[in-house]
Amino acid sequence: MMTRFLTLLLAPLMVLLLGLALAAPAQAQSGPLRITITDGVIEPLPFAVPDFQAETAGAEQLARDIARVVAEDLTGSGLFREIPAQAFISQVASFAQPVAYPDWRAINAQALITGAVAVNGNQLTVKFRLYDVFSGAELGEGLQFVGTTSGWRRMGHKVADAAYSRITGEGGYFDSRVVYVAESGPKDNRLKRLAIMDYDGANIQYLTDSGSIVLAPRFSPSGDRVLYTSYESGFPRINLLDVNTVGRQQITTEAGEMAFSPRFSRDGRQVIYSLANGGNVDIYRTDLATGQHQRLTSAPSIETAPSFSPDGSQIVFESDRSGTQQIYIMPAGGGEPRRVSFGEGRYASPVWSPRGDLIAFTKQQAGRFHIGVMRTDGSEERLLTASSLDESPTWAPNGRVLMFTRETLGAGGAPALYSVDVSGRNLRQVPTGSMASDASWGPLQP
């Protein structure tokens, strides 16, 4: 029991994902260009992104760089395959130039993305158009995004999100950020601090120093605050950090109590978390405005890793009340929980999808760890990954991709962040430049 308790404090868990699937390529000249999310993955859709056009002097490099971000985002989703520039027959000389559809059909480009970039001082304007090559028509109207030159990568992500959404019918996720624990040093003296980055590992910034152990950061629904567990006082305490000012405040607990595994409510006004007092671990809720606490569970078992449903009416959590770690759901105000996991092995770190249709989790079975997903009633369980240690899943804003921690075992074991889509395909390591764990995927940026 003590080993399990320490595990709960120091590393929440793993996930099982259930299945989204990817995409069937658009049929030539038989309707609008569309990738359909189904039960299986078909050949990624071929697309072309010529260098964007510079409409002002000095914008040439930005135009090329933004086009590269768009291409890398779409390719990285696993749904698209970029056609290299060397294969192009047609060249795009201006944003207003008519599209030579036969030339793009000849190289089997099913989607074509063109763009233009203008710079005025520190202001950056990006325009783009998306074409269905085989039907010979523009897909939707052209869009324009305005930002700053320092935020040029975000402009690329916004274009990619718009193209992704128009072709798949799903929400995008590229213009989002991830907060995580950046780790350094040997395994027996590991230093940990909070860091934030773009979803693809770019623009890393550190939010805390490495003077104390930090765990389990969790983004607020608006992306402006982060909850995390700190051992600065020697006991686990929950801190609330403002991402912009890096100002901190602590969730008040009584002397001798240990608080951990926090998450925001869907409106960002409340926090649910686990509280250990007198050897018992239960789930509590605190109103951030009033500081009022409410105990939601009362059992001799360990209840931890709570996560709200998207509508805020229910809470999923893990408990060993049945004798092994399993997943339960209860009303948001407390009440009798119902068990939803019944497969072999142990289940942990459940996280409700932002779409409301799936619960991701970590599963340990036969010496292997998995990230998996199941329906909210426990049906249609599917394991998406398998390794010696996978844990701590977090959902992309569109509910179609998961990020998690994978750690190699042994004396030199090093944690890293990976992503996988809910079909279990397109497993990719996220570049962080250092060891990384405990990611929390934030919302799309405004």
Foldseek 3Di string as FASTA:
>chain_A
DVVVVVCQFPAFWFWAFADWEEFDADDFQDDDFAGETDLYYDQAAEAEQAQAAEPDPPCRVLSRVLSVLLVCQSVLVVRYDYDDPVQQPDDDDHPPDQDPLVRCVVSRHQKYKYKYWYDDPFKIKIKMWMDGSRNRGTQDDIDMDMDGPVVSSLVSQVVNQVVCCSHHVFGGFQQWKKKFWFWDDFPVDIFTFIWMAGPQQPDIDTLDDRPWDKAQWAAAQQRQKIWIWTCPVVATWIWIAGPPVSDIDTLDDDPPKHWHQWYAALVRQKIWTWIDDPNAIFIWMAGNVPSDIDTADDDRWHWGQWEAALVRQKIKTWICVVVATFIWMDTNNHDDIDTQADDPFHWTNWYAFNVRFKIITWGDDPQKIFIRIAGPNNPPIGTQDIDNDWIQWEARQRRFKIKTWDWDDDRRIAIFIWMATSSSDSIGTRDNPGGIHNMYIYHRHD
